[in-house]
Amino acid sequence: DVQLQASGGGLVQPGGSLRLSCAAFGFTFSRFAMSWVRQAPGKELERVSTIGSGGIIINYADSVKGRFTISRDNAKNTLYLQMNRLKPEDTAVYYCTMGGARGQGTLVTVSS
């Protein structure tokens, strides 16, 4: 079974940074593009960033471009999201996804 376990969320002040990780199990991680998506309270799911299987092709939502960096370590079956200059509107539960699979999320709260 595909398992995706996100971690690294927490409470951070505006302007701060967090690094999210997603450990992947149950499939050949290096063969698949991976994404981070988020869901803010009362809002729809939003795709934050996608990275190709080789880590070369990358795209970001306009709302996070220039502040977030997605990366992956295929040797460790792990996906990352470095989030800098966080804003209150980044508050959401963040999930990593592979195709239609979505694992447990990690809550990021940006507040002073």
N, C-alpha and C. Protein backbone atom coordinates (compact mmCIF):
# COMPACT_ATOMS: atom_id res chain seq x y z
N ASP A 1 0.84 -1.19 0.00
CA ASP A 1 0.00 0.00 0.00
C ASP A 1 0.88 1.25 0.00
N VAL A 2 0.41 2.26 -0.73
CA VAL A 2 1.10 3.54 -0.72
C VAL A 2 0.89 4.22 0.63
N GLN A 3 1.98 4.66 1.22
CA GLN A 3 1.91 5.43 2.47
C GLN A 3 2.75 6.70 2.31
N LEU A 4 2.16 7.81 2.71
CA LEU A 4 2.83 9.10 2.65
C LEU A 4 2.67 9.77 4.01
N GLN A 5 3.78 10.00 4.68
CA GLN A 5 3.74 10.51 6.05
C GLN A 5 4.44 11.86 6.12
N ALA A 6 3.65 12.92 6.20
CA ALA A 6 4.19 14.28 6.29
C ALA A 6 4.50 14.64 7.73
N SER A 7 5.53 15.43 7.91
CA SER A 7 5.91 15.89 9.25
C SER A 7 6.62 17.23 9.13
N GLY A 8 6.84 17.87 10.28
CA GLY A 8 7.59 19.11 10.30
C GLY A 8 6.77 20.36 10.50
N GLY A 9 5.46 20.22 10.57
CA GLY A 9 4.62 21.39 10.78
C GLY A 9 4.73 21.91 12.20
N GLY A 10 4.10 23.05 12.44
CA GLY A 10 4.13 23.64 13.76
C GLY A 10 3.65 25.07 13.73
N LEU A 11 3.86 25.74 14.85
CA LEU A 11 3.50 27.16 14.98
C LEU A 11 4.73 28.01 14.73
N VAL A 12 4.59 28.99 13.85
CA VAL A 12 5.72 29.86 13.52
C VAL A 12 5.20 31.28 13.36
N GLN A 13 6.03 32.23 13.67
CA GLN A 13 5.65 33.63 13.52
C GLN A 13 5.76 34.06 12.06
N PRO A 14 4.99 35.05 11.68
CA PRO A 14 5.12 35.58 10.31
C PRO A 14 6.57 35.95 10.01
N GLY A 15 7.02 35.59 8.82
CA GLY A 15 8.40 35.82 8.44
C GLY A 15 9.33 34.68 8.76
N GLY A 16 8.83 33.72 9.51
CA GLY A 16 9.65 32.59 9.91
C GLY A 16 9.74 31.51 8.84
N SER A 17 10.39 30.41 9.19
CA SER A 17 10.63 29.32 8.25
C SER A 17 10.28 27.97 8.89
N LEU A 18 9.92 27.05 8.05
CA LEU A 18 9.70 25.66 8.43
C LEU A 18 10.15 24.77 7.28
N ARG A 19 10.55 23.56 7.63
CA ARG A 19 10.86 22.57 6.59
C ARG A 19 9.99 21.35 6.81
N LEU A 20 9.18 21.05 5.84
CA LEU A 20 8.33 19.87 5.89
C LEU A 20 9.03 18.70 5.21
N SER A 21 8.76 17.52 5.73
CA SER A 21 9.27 16.29 5.12
C SER A 21 8.11 15.35 4.87
N CYS A 22 8.27 14.48 3.89
CA CYS A 22 7.27 13.46 3.61
C CYS A 22 7.99 12.16 3.30
N ALA A 23 7.82 11.19 4.17
CA ALA A 23 8.41 9.87 3.96
C ALA A 23 7.43 9.02 3.15
N ALA A 24 7.94 8.39 2.11
CA ALA A 24 7.09 7.62 1.20
C ALA A 24 7.42 6.13 1.30
N PHE A 25 6.36 5.32 1.29
CA PHE A 25 6.51 3.87 1.40
C PHE A 25 5.54 3.20 0.44
N GLY A 26 5.90 2.00 0.00
CA GLY A 26 4.96 1.17 -0.74
C GLY A 26 4.95 1.34 -2.23
N PHE A 27 5.86 2.15 -2.77
CA PHE A 27 5.97 2.30 -4.22
C PHE A 27 7.39 2.75 -4.54
N THR A 28 7.72 2.70 -5.82
CA THR A 28 9.06 3.09 -6.25
C THR A 28 9.10 4.61 -6.36
N PHE A 29 9.53 5.24 -5.29
CA PHE A 29 9.46 6.69 -5.15
C PHE A 29 10.13 7.42 -6.31
N SER A 30 11.27 6.92 -6.75
CA SER A 30 12.06 7.63 -7.75
C SER A 30 11.40 7.68 -9.12
N ARG A 31 10.34 6.94 -9.32
CA ARG A 31 9.68 6.89 -10.62
C ARG A 31 8.52 7.86 -10.77
N PHE A 32 8.16 8.53 -9.68
CA PHE A 32 6.93 9.31 -9.70
C PHE A 32 7.16 10.78 -9.35
N ALA A 33 6.42 11.65 -10.06
CA ALA A 33 6.35 13.03 -9.64
C ALA A 33 5.62 13.10 -8.30
N MET A 34 5.98 14.09 -7.51
CA MET A 34 5.38 14.27 -6.19
C MET A 34 4.93 15.71 -6.03
N SER A 35 3.94 15.90 -5.22
CA SER A 35 3.42 17.25 -5.00
C SER A 35 3.16 17.50 -3.52
N TRP A 36 3.17 18.76 -3.18
CA TRP A 36 2.65 19.24 -1.90
C TRP A 36 1.34 19.98 -2.20
N VAL A 37 0.33 19.69 -1.42
CA VAL A 37 -0.92 20.42 -1.49
C VAL A 37 -1.26 20.88 -0.08
N ARG A 38 -2.15 21.85 0.02
CA ARG A 38 -2.53 22.33 1.34
C ARG A 38 -4.01 22.66 1.37
N GLN A 39 -4.57 22.62 2.55
CA GLN A 39 -5.97 22.99 2.73
C GLN A 39 -6.08 23.89 3.95
N ALA A 40 -6.44 25.13 3.69
CA ALA A 40 -6.64 26.09 4.75
C ALA A 40 -8.05 25.92 5.31
N PRO A 41 -8.28 26.35 6.54
CA PRO A 41 -9.60 26.21 7.15
C PRO A 41 -10.68 26.84 6.28
N GLY A 42 -11.70 26.06 5.95
CA GLY A 42 -12.82 26.57 5.18
C GLY A 42 -12.56 26.77 3.71
N LYS A 43 -11.39 26.32 3.23
CA LYS A 43 -11.05 26.54 1.83
C LYS A 43 -10.81 25.21 1.13
N GLU A 44 -10.76 25.29 -0.20
CA GLU A 44 -10.53 24.08 -0.98
C GLU A 44 -9.04 23.72 -0.98
N LEU A 45 -8.80 22.51 -1.40
CA LEU A 45 -7.43 22.03 -1.50
C LEU A 45 -6.69 22.85 -2.57
N GLU A 46 -5.47 23.22 -2.29
CA GLU A 46 -4.66 24.01 -3.22
C GLU A 46 -3.33 23.30 -3.46
N ARG A 47 -2.97 23.15 -4.72
CA ARG A 47 -1.67 22.56 -5.04
C ARG A 47 -0.61 23.62 -4.81
N VAL A 48 0.41 23.28 -4.05
CA VAL A 48 1.47 24.23 -3.70
C VAL A 48 2.65 24.10 -4.66
N SER A 49 3.08 22.85 -4.89
CA SER A 49 4.27 22.65 -5.72
C SER A 49 4.34 21.21 -6.18
N THR A 50 4.95 21.02 -7.34
CA THR A 50 5.15 19.68 -7.91
C THR A 50 6.59 19.55 -8.36
N ILE A 51 7.15 18.38 -8.16
CA ILE A 51 8.52 18.10 -8.61
C ILE A 51 8.52 16.80 -9.41
N GLY A 52 9.19 16.80 -10.53
CA GLY A 52 9.27 15.61 -11.36
C GLY A 52 10.08 14.52 -10.69
N SER A 53 10.01 13.34 -11.29
CA SER A 53 10.65 12.17 -10.68
C SER A 53 12.16 12.37 -10.49
N GLY A 54 12.78 13.07 -11.42
CA GLY A 54 14.22 13.29 -11.35
C GLY A 54 14.61 14.56 -10.63
N GLY A 55 13.63 15.31 -10.19
CA GLY A 55 13.92 16.54 -9.45
C GLY A 55 14.25 17.73 -10.31
N ILE A 56 14.10 17.59 -11.63
CA ILE A 56 14.48 18.67 -12.54
C ILE A 56 13.29 19.59 -12.84
N ILE A 57 12.18 18.99 -13.17
CA ILE A 57 10.99 19.78 -13.50
C ILE A 57 10.25 20.13 -12.22
N ILE A 58 10.09 21.42 -11.98
CA ILE A 58 9.50 21.90 -10.73
C ILE A 58 8.56 23.06 -11.06
N ASN A 59 7.44 23.10 -10.40
CA ASN A 59 6.59 24.29 -10.52
C ASN A 59 5.96 24.62 -9.18
N TYR A 60 5.53 25.86 -9.06
CA TYR A 60 4.97 26.39 -7.81
C TYR A 60 3.70 27.17 -8.08
N ALA A 61 2.83 27.18 -7.10
CA ALA A 61 1.69 28.09 -7.14
C ALA A 61 2.22 29.52 -7.02
N ASP A 62 1.53 30.44 -7.67
CA ASP A 62 1.96 31.84 -7.62
C ASP A 62 2.05 32.35 -6.19
N SER A 63 1.19 31.84 -5.34
CA SER A 63 1.11 32.32 -3.95
C SER A 63 2.36 32.00 -3.13
N VAL A 64 3.16 31.03 -3.59
CA VAL A 64 4.35 30.63 -2.81
C VAL A 64 5.65 30.81 -3.58
N LYS A 65 5.54 31.19 -4.83
CA LYS A 65 6.73 31.32 -5.67
C LYS A 65 7.71 32.32 -5.06
N GLY A 66 8.98 31.91 -4.99
CA GLY A 66 10.00 32.77 -4.42
C GLY A 66 10.18 32.62 -2.92
N ARG A 67 9.24 31.92 -2.29
CA ARG A 67 9.33 31.71 -0.83
C ARG A 67 9.50 30.24 -0.45
N PHE A 68 8.90 29.36 -1.22
CA PHE A 68 8.96 27.92 -0.94
C PHE A 68 9.87 27.24 -1.94
N THR A 69 10.53 26.16 -1.47
CA THR A 69 11.38 25.36 -2.34
C THR A 69 11.07 23.89 -2.11
N ILE A 70 10.71 23.21 -3.18
CA ILE A 70 10.45 21.78 -3.12
C ILE A 70 11.71 21.03 -3.53
N SER A 71 11.95 19.88 -2.89
CA SER A 71 13.09 19.05 -3.26
C SER A 71 12.78 17.61 -2.89
N ARG A 72 13.62 16.73 -3.34
CA ARG A 72 13.43 15.31 -3.03
C ARG A 72 14.77 14.63 -2.94
N ASP A 73 14.79 13.56 -2.14
CA ASP A 73 15.96 12.69 -2.02
C ASP A 73 15.49 11.29 -2.38
N ASN A 74 15.74 10.88 -3.60
CA ASN A 74 15.25 9.58 -4.05
C ASN A 74 15.93 8.42 -3.33
N ALA A 75 17.12 8.64 -2.83
CA ALA A 75 17.80 7.59 -2.07
C ALA A 75 17.14 7.35 -0.72
N LYS A 76 16.49 8.38 -0.19
CA LYS A 76 15.83 8.28 1.11
C LYS A 76 14.31 8.19 0.99
N ASN A 77 13.79 8.16 -0.25
CA ASN A 77 12.34 8.12 -0.45
C ASN A 77 11.63 9.24 0.32
N THR A 78 12.18 10.42 0.23
CA THR A 78 11.66 11.53 1.02
C THR A 78 11.50 12.78 0.16
N LEU A 79 10.39 13.44 0.38
CA LEU A 79 10.06 14.70 -0.28
C LEU A 79 10.15 15.81 0.76
N TYR A 80 10.60 16.99 0.34
CA TYR A 80 10.75 18.12 1.27
C TYR A 80 10.04 19.36 0.74
N LEU A 81 9.72 20.25 1.67
CA LEU A 81 9.24 21.58 1.30
C LEU A 81 9.84 22.58 2.29
N GLN A 82 10.76 23.37 1.80
CA GLN A 82 11.34 24.44 2.60
C GLN A 82 10.47 25.67 2.43
N MET A 83 9.96 26.18 3.53
CA MET A 83 9.05 27.32 3.50
C MET A 83 9.68 28.49 4.25
N ASN A 84 9.95 29.54 3.52
CA ASN A 84 10.54 30.75 4.10
C ASN A 84 9.58 31.91 4.00
N ARG A 85 9.84 32.95 4.77
CA ARG A 85 9.01 34.18 4.76
C ARG A 85 7.53 33.82 4.84
N LEU A 86 7.22 32.99 5.82
CA LEU A 86 5.85 32.52 5.97
C LEU A 86 4.90 33.65 6.32
N LYS A 87 3.67 33.51 5.82
CA LYS A 87 2.62 34.51 6.01
C LYS A 87 1.44 33.84 6.71
N PRO A 88 0.61 34.61 7.39
CA PRO A 88 -0.59 34.01 8.02
C PRO A 88 -1.45 33.24 7.03
N GLU A 89 -1.50 33.67 5.80
CA GLU A 89 -2.33 32.98 4.81
C GLU A 89 -1.72 31.65 4.37
N ASP A 90 -0.51 31.32 4.83
CA ASP A 90 0.05 30.00 4.58
C ASP A 90 -0.45 28.97 5.60
N THR A 91 -1.19 29.43 6.59
CA THR A 91 -1.74 28.51 7.59
C THR A 91 -2.66 27.49 6.91
N ALA A 92 -2.35 26.21 7.11
CA ALA A 92 -3.10 25.14 6.45
C ALA A 92 -2.56 23.80 6.92
N VAL A 93 -3.29 22.77 6.59
CA VAL A 93 -2.76 21.42 6.70
C VAL A 93 -2.09 21.09 5.37
N TYR A 94 -0.84 20.67 5.45
CA TYR A 94 -0.05 20.38 4.26
C TYR A 94 0.05 18.86 4.08
N TYR A 95 -0.16 18.43 2.84
CA TYR A 95 -0.12 17.01 2.50
C TYR A 95 0.86 16.81 1.34
N CYS A 96 1.51 15.66 1.33
CA CYS A 96 2.23 15.27 0.12
C CYS A 96 1.35 14.28 -0.64
N THR A 97 1.48 14.33 -1.96
CA THR A 97 0.63 13.49 -2.80
C THR A 97 1.46 12.84 -3.90
N MET A 98 1.00 11.68 -4.32
CA MET A 98 1.56 10.97 -5.47
C MET A 98 0.36 10.46 -6.27
N GLY A 99 0.13 11.04 -7.42
CA GLY A 99 -1.06 10.70 -8.18
C GLY A 99 -2.30 11.01 -7.35
N GLY A 100 -3.14 10.04 -7.19
CA GLY A 100 -4.33 10.26 -6.39
C GLY A 100 -4.17 9.94 -4.93
N ALA A 101 -3.00 9.54 -4.52
CA ALA A 101 -2.76 9.15 -3.13
C ALA A 101 -2.34 10.37 -2.31
N ARG A 102 -2.91 10.46 -1.13
CA ARG A 102 -2.59 11.56 -0.22
C ARG A 102 -2.51 11.00 1.18
N GLY A 103 -1.42 11.29 1.85
CA GLY A 103 -1.23 10.73 3.18
C GLY A 103 -1.73 11.65 4.27
N GLN A 104 -1.32 11.35 5.48
CA GLN A 104 -1.67 12.22 6.60
C GLN A 104 -0.98 13.56 6.42
N GLY A 105 -1.61 14.60 6.87
CA GLY A 105 -1.04 15.92 6.72
C GLY A 105 -0.32 16.39 7.96
N THR A 106 0.29 17.56 7.83
CA THR A 106 0.95 18.20 8.96
C THR A 106 0.47 19.65 9.01
N LEU A 107 0.10 20.09 10.20
CA LEU A 107 -0.49 21.42 10.34
C LEU A 107 0.59 22.48 10.47
N VAL A 108 0.46 23.51 9.65
CA VAL A 108 1.33 24.69 9.73
C VAL A 108 0.45 25.86 10.14
N THR A 109 0.84 26.51 11.23
CA THR A 109 0.12 27.68 11.71
C THR A 109 1.08 28.86 11.76
N VAL A 110 0.73 29.89 11.04
CA VAL A 110 1.58 31.10 11.01
C VAL A 110 0.82 32.20 11.74
N SER A 111 1.33 32.56 12.89
CA SER A 111 0.62 33.53 13.73
C SER A 111 1.58 34.15 14.72
N SER A 112 1.32 35.41 15.05
CA SER A 112 2.12 36.07 16.06
C SER A 112 1.45 35.97 17.43
